[in-house]
Protein backbone atom coordinates (compact mmCIF):
# COMPACT_ATOMS: atom_id res chain seq x y z
CA MET A 1 -17.27 3.15 61.81
CA GLU A 2 -20.37 2.34 59.77
CA ARG A 3 -18.20 1.35 56.82
CA THR A 4 -16.47 -1.29 58.95
CA VAL A 5 -19.81 -2.70 60.00
CA ALA A 6 -20.90 -2.90 56.36
CA GLN A 7 -17.63 -4.55 55.46
CA ALA A 8 -18.21 -7.23 58.09
CA ARG A 9 -21.67 -7.92 56.77
CA ILE A 10 -20.56 -8.53 53.23
CA ALA A 11 -17.43 -10.51 54.12
CA GLY A 12 -17.32 -14.14 53.20
CA PRO A 13 -16.47 -16.99 55.58
CA ARG A 14 -12.74 -16.30 55.25
CA THR A 15 -12.98 -12.95 56.98
CA ALA A 16 -16.38 -12.46 58.52
CA VAL A 17 -15.39 -13.75 61.94
CA ILE A 18 -12.40 -11.48 62.06
CA TRP A 19 -14.41 -8.51 60.98
CA SER A 20 -16.98 -9.29 63.64
CA VAL A 21 -14.25 -9.30 66.38
CA LEU A 22 -12.70 -6.09 65.01
CA ARG A 23 -16.08 -4.43 64.87
CA GLY A 24 -16.54 -5.12 68.57
CA GLU A 25 -13.09 -3.75 69.39
CA LEU A 26 -13.68 -0.58 67.41
CA ALA A 27 -17.10 -0.09 68.97
CA GLY A 28 -15.43 0.09 72.34
CA GLN A 29 -13.30 3.07 71.33
CA ASP A 30 -16.00 5.69 71.47
CA GLY A 31 -15.76 6.49 67.79
CA ARG A 32 -12.33 7.98 67.97
CA PRO A 33 -9.91 7.48 65.09
CA LEU A 34 -7.28 4.89 65.87
CA SER A 35 -3.65 4.34 64.75
CA VAL A 36 -3.51 0.97 63.20
CA VAL A 37 -0.52 -1.11 62.02
CA ASP A 38 -1.25 -4.05 59.64
CA VAL A 39 1.76 -6.39 59.54
CA GLY A 40 1.79 -8.41 56.32
CA GLY A 41 -1.26 -6.39 55.23
CA GLY A 42 -0.53 -6.94 51.55
CA THR A 43 -2.91 -5.18 49.18
CA GLY A 44 -5.12 -3.69 51.90
CA GLY A 45 -8.02 -6.10 52.40
CA PHE A 46 -8.26 -4.82 55.98
CA ALA A 47 -6.34 -1.64 55.78
CA VAL A 48 -8.48 0.17 53.20
CA PRO A 49 -11.87 -0.50 54.96
CA LEU A 50 -10.34 0.58 58.24
CA ALA A 51 -9.11 3.80 56.61
CA GLU A 52 -12.60 4.31 55.10
CA ALA A 53 -13.90 4.11 58.65
CA GLY A 54 -11.68 7.04 59.60
CA HIS A 55 -8.61 5.28 61.04
CA THR A 56 -4.98 5.86 60.06
CA VAL A 57 -3.36 2.61 58.88
CA THR A 58 0.30 1.74 58.33
CA VAL A 59 0.88 -1.40 56.27
CA VAL A 60 4.11 -3.23 56.66
CA ASP A 61 4.75 -5.83 53.93
CA PRO A 62 7.85 -7.23 52.19
CA SER A 63 6.26 -7.13 48.72
CA PRO A 64 6.67 -3.93 46.73
CA ASP A 65 4.01 -5.06 44.29
CA ALA A 66 1.52 -5.68 47.05
CA LEU A 67 2.21 -2.26 48.57
CA ALA A 68 1.78 -0.63 45.10
CA SER A 69 -1.55 -2.33 44.78
CA LEU A 70 -2.44 -1.16 48.31
CA LEU A 71 -1.80 2.47 47.45
CA ARG A 72 -3.78 2.25 44.23
CA ARG A 73 -6.63 0.71 46.14
CA ALA A 74 -6.47 3.38 48.83
CA THR A 75 -6.44 6.14 46.16
CA ASP A 76 -9.40 4.61 44.39
CA ALA A 77 -11.28 4.51 47.71
CA GLY A 78 -10.38 8.18 48.47
CA VAL A 79 -8.39 7.35 51.63
CA ALA A 80 -4.79 7.68 50.38
CA GLU A 81 -4.01 10.27 53.02
CA ARG A 82 -4.87 7.79 55.79
CA VAL A 83 -2.83 4.81 54.41
CA ARG A 84 0.93 4.52 54.69
CA ALA A 85 2.93 1.74 53.05
CA LEU A 86 6.31 0.54 54.55
CA GLN A 87 8.33 -2.19 52.90
CA GLY A 88 9.65 -4.64 55.43
CA ASP A 89 8.78 -7.86 57.19
CA ALA A 90 7.53 -8.75 60.61
CA ASP A 91 11.04 -9.52 61.81
CA SER A 92 12.03 -5.91 61.34
CA LEU A 93 8.85 -4.34 62.75
CA GLY A 94 10.68 -2.73 65.64
CA ASP A 95 12.81 -0.78 63.19
CA LEU A 96 9.83 0.45 61.20
CA VAL A 97 7.21 1.40 63.80
CA PRO A 98 7.80 3.61 66.83
CA PRO A 99 7.20 1.96 70.18
CA ALA A 100 3.82 2.37 71.86
CA ALA A 101 2.43 4.13 68.83
CA ALA A 102 -0.45 1.88 67.74
CA ASP A 103 -3.99 1.41 69.16
CA LEU A 104 -4.49 -1.76 67.07
CA VAL A 105 -2.09 -4.10 65.43
CA LEU A 106 -3.17 -6.71 62.82
CA CYS A 107 -0.90 -9.68 62.20
CA HIS A 108 -2.73 -12.15 60.00
CA ALA A 109 -1.13 -15.32 58.49
CA VAL A 110 2.37 -14.10 59.45
CA PHE A 111 3.56 -16.18 62.43
CA GLU A 112 3.54 -19.29 60.22
CA PHE A 113 6.53 -17.97 58.20
CA VAL A 114 8.70 -15.72 60.40
CA ASP A 115 12.17 -16.64 61.54
CA ASP A 116 11.61 -15.89 65.20
CA PRO A 117 7.94 -15.96 66.37
CA ASP A 118 8.92 -14.91 69.92
CA ALA A 119 10.64 -11.78 68.66
CA VAL A 120 7.70 -10.88 66.42
CA ALA A 121 5.23 -11.31 69.29
CA GLN A 122 7.37 -9.04 71.37
CA ALA A 123 7.58 -6.53 68.54
CA LEU A 124 3.75 -6.50 68.31
CA HIS A 125 3.54 -5.85 72.05
CA ASP A 126 6.04 -3.03 71.86
CA ALA A 127 4.30 -1.35 68.95
CA LEU A 128 1.05 -1.15 70.94
CA ARG A 129 0.13 1.55 73.38
CA PRO A 130 -0.86 0.21 76.87
CA GLY A 131 -4.42 -1.10 76.48
CA GLY A 132 -3.94 -1.51 72.75
CA ALA A 133 -5.15 -4.73 70.98
CA ALA A 134 -3.56 -7.19 68.59
CA SER A 135 -5.57 -9.11 66.03
CA ILE A 136 -3.66 -12.40 65.38
CA LEU A 137 -4.52 -15.00 62.72
CA VAL A 138 -2.59 -18.28 62.55
CA ALA A 139 -2.88 -21.64 60.79
CA ASN A 140 -4.45 -24.34 62.83
CA ARG A 141 -2.47 -27.63 63.00
CA ALA A 142 -5.51 -29.74 63.77
CA ALA A 143 -7.28 -28.62 60.61
CA ALA A 144 -4.27 -29.35 58.47
CA VAL A 145 -4.06 -32.88 59.87
CA LEU A 146 -7.74 -33.45 59.21
CA SER A 147 -7.76 -32.01 55.74
CA ARG A 148 -4.90 -34.21 54.65
CA ALA A 149 -6.35 -37.28 56.24
CA LEU A 150 -9.71 -36.69 54.53
CA ALA A 151 -7.88 -36.39 51.16
CA GLY A 152 -6.17 -39.70 51.81
CA GLN A 153 -2.71 -38.10 52.30
CA TRP A 154 -1.89 -40.33 55.23
CA GLN A 155 1.83 -39.74 55.28
CA ALA A 156 1.39 -35.94 55.19
CA ALA A 157 -1.23 -36.15 57.97
CA ALA A 158 0.98 -38.28 60.12
CA ALA A 159 4.00 -35.99 59.57
CA LEU A 160 1.94 -33.06 60.71
CA LEU A 161 0.98 -34.98 63.83
CA ASP A 162 4.65 -35.71 64.53
CA ALA A 163 5.84 -32.17 63.68
CA GLY A 164 3.84 -30.62 66.41
CA GLY A 165 4.17 -27.02 65.29
CA GLU A 166 3.62 -24.51 68.10
CA SER A 167 1.79 -26.92 70.33
CA ALA A 168 1.15 -26.62 74.03
CA GLU A 169 3.95 -29.14 74.86
CA ALA A 170 6.48 -27.38 72.64
CA ARG A 171 6.04 -24.20 74.55
CA ARG A 172 6.22 -25.67 78.04
CA PRO A 173 9.49 -24.97 79.91
CA GLY A 174 11.74 -27.87 79.17
CA GLY A 175 9.35 -29.27 76.54
CA PRO A 176 10.66 -30.45 73.14
CA SER A 177 11.37 -27.70 70.64
CA THR A 178 9.99 -28.22 67.17
CA ARG A 179 10.23 -24.65 65.95
CA ALA A 180 13.33 -25.23 63.81
CA THR A 181 12.30 -28.55 62.31
CA SER A 182 8.52 -28.72 61.97
CA GLY A 183 8.44 -26.90 58.64
CA GLU A 184 11.10 -29.14 57.27
CA VAL A 185 9.09 -32.24 58.27
CA GLN A 186 5.96 -30.75 56.71
CA ALA A 187 7.68 -29.84 53.49
CA ARG A 188 9.04 -33.41 53.13
CA ALA A 189 5.58 -34.82 53.72
CA THR A 190 3.77 -32.81 51.13
CA GLY A 191 6.50 -31.85 48.70
CA ARG A 192 5.18 -28.25 48.44
CA ASP A 193 4.10 -27.09 51.96
CA THR A 194 5.95 -23.84 52.69
CA VAL A 195 4.40 -23.22 56.07
CA ARG A 196 7.09 -23.30 58.68
CA ARG A 197 4.82 -23.88 61.64
CA ARG A 198 1.21 -24.32 62.63
CA PHE A 199 -0.44 -23.75 65.99
CA ASP A 200 -2.93 -25.11 68.48
CA LEU A 201 -4.87 -22.64 70.64
CA ILE A 202 -2.90 -23.20 73.81
CA GLY A 203 0.42 -22.84 72.04
CA ALA A 204 -0.68 -19.60 70.31
CA GLU A 205 -1.94 -18.15 73.62
CA ALA A 206 1.37 -19.09 75.32
CA LEU A 207 3.38 -17.40 72.53
CA LEU A 208 1.50 -14.17 72.99
CA ALA A 209 1.45 -14.35 76.83
CA GLU A 210 5.20 -14.66 76.92
CA ALA A 211 5.36 -11.34 75.05
CA GLY A 212 3.00 -9.65 77.51
CA LEU A 213 -0.13 -9.96 75.33
CA HIS A 214 -3.21 -11.25 77.16
CA VAL A 215 -5.68 -13.16 74.91
CA GLU A 216 -9.23 -11.97 75.49
CA GLN A 217 -11.05 -13.75 72.64
CA ALA A 218 -10.33 -16.82 70.48
CA HIS A 219 -12.31 -17.85 67.42
CA GLY A 220 -12.10 -20.37 64.68
CA VAL A 221 -12.08 -19.06 61.12
CA ARG A 222 -13.45 -21.33 58.36
CA VAL A 223 -14.78 -24.02 60.74
CA ILE A 224 -16.61 -25.85 57.94
CA ALA A 225 -16.31 -23.65 54.82
CA ASP A 226 -13.23 -25.51 53.54
CA LEU A 227 -14.83 -28.91 53.94
CA VAL A 228 -18.22 -28.49 52.27
CA PRO A 229 -18.44 -28.95 48.48
CA GLY A 230 -18.63 -25.78 46.47
CA VAL A 231 -22.10 -26.54 45.22
CA VAL A 232 -23.35 -26.80 48.81
CA ALA A 233 -21.65 -23.53 49.83
CA ASP A 234 -23.03 -21.71 46.85
CA ALA A 235 -26.57 -23.00 47.41
CA ASP A 236 -27.06 -20.91 50.50
CA PRO A 237 -24.00 -18.71 51.22
CA GLU A 238 -25.84 -16.68 53.89
CA ALA A 239 -26.64 -19.82 55.88
CA LEU A 240 -23.02 -20.95 55.60
CA LEU A 241 -21.86 -17.59 56.87
CA ALA A 242 -24.31 -17.60 59.77
CA PHE A 243 -23.16 -21.06 60.78
CA GLU A 244 -19.47 -19.99 60.60
CA LEU A 245 -20.20 -17.03 62.90
CA ALA A 246 -22.17 -19.19 65.32
CA ALA A 247 -19.62 -21.99 65.53
CA SER A 248 -16.49 -19.83 65.59
CA ALA A 249 -16.32 -19.49 69.38
CA VAL A 250 -17.70 -22.90 70.36
CA PRO A 251 -15.20 -25.70 71.11
CA PRO A 252 -14.63 -28.28 69.80
CA TYR A 253 -15.78 -26.78 66.41
CA ARG A 254 -13.56 -23.72 66.95
CA ASP A 255 -10.57 -25.94 67.51
CA VAL A 256 -10.73 -27.65 64.13
CA ALA A 257 -11.15 -24.51 62.00
CA THR A 258 -8.63 -23.85 59.29
CA GLN A 259 -7.31 -20.82 61.14
CA LEU A 260 -7.41 -19.48 64.70
CA HIS A 261 -8.06 -15.86 65.40
CA LEU A 262 -6.98 -14.36 68.71
CA LEU A 263 -7.66 -10.88 70.06
CA ALA A 264 -4.93 -10.05 72.61
CA ARG A 265 -4.26 -6.92 74.64
CA ARG A 266 -1.20 -5.16 75.99
CA ARG A 267 -1.97 -4.57 79.65
CA GLY A 268 -2.19 -1.10 80.94
CA HIS A 269 -4.42 1.94 80.50
CA ALA A 270 -4.60 3.72 77.20
CA ASP A 271 -4.18 7.46 77.13
CA HIS A 272 -6.80 8.76 74.70
């Protein structure tokens, strides 16, 4: 557990908020080793530190190269016996992970690209034991609109406004569905944007709630870090990190962060 604390302390603004939330979740588990599933976990940026803290981590990722790097990284860290690599994507999670087997599921920067976000959310729920938690990281539509507008990319910014992504209205019963077309609109606007959908907080919460996952915490990741010039960020990185942590849970600053992080829980009581 101490290793996870140390990892959170040295993390930069891209991951410090997430590690802070995970540290709190792990601290509530009485020091017991957890079964963790990291969907789209790639080369093990989260998996290896969690394994170093004593947890067993299964990483599901479609890239064989990323999984090979993960295993090398785990071996170098001396935790290869606690890290398992499974090739596959989030859409096939139910075929790869037994039901109700995980205490903690990580799904970071995945919902933006999957074919069926509702099915993936349900698969995350089903993989968790009752009382287990899911760490979800999604792209924030508001931040994408603002960043393009600040760069003078007016058409791209307007297209993102029109696309909607997984907005609150899009997920209301009878509301307009943008899931199949928002990525196409965005791609036309930018010429290179491969993100299929972005989210606002209410839409992300609704997506998880429909799958039986209750959101307990919501934070913004990279509230200001992507907007300040590099020379400013490099001048006092500790102050920048402290500001990111302080602003991450405070609306409206949270709501314009580059990414939104949600900690959601499958209802029920865990059997330890």
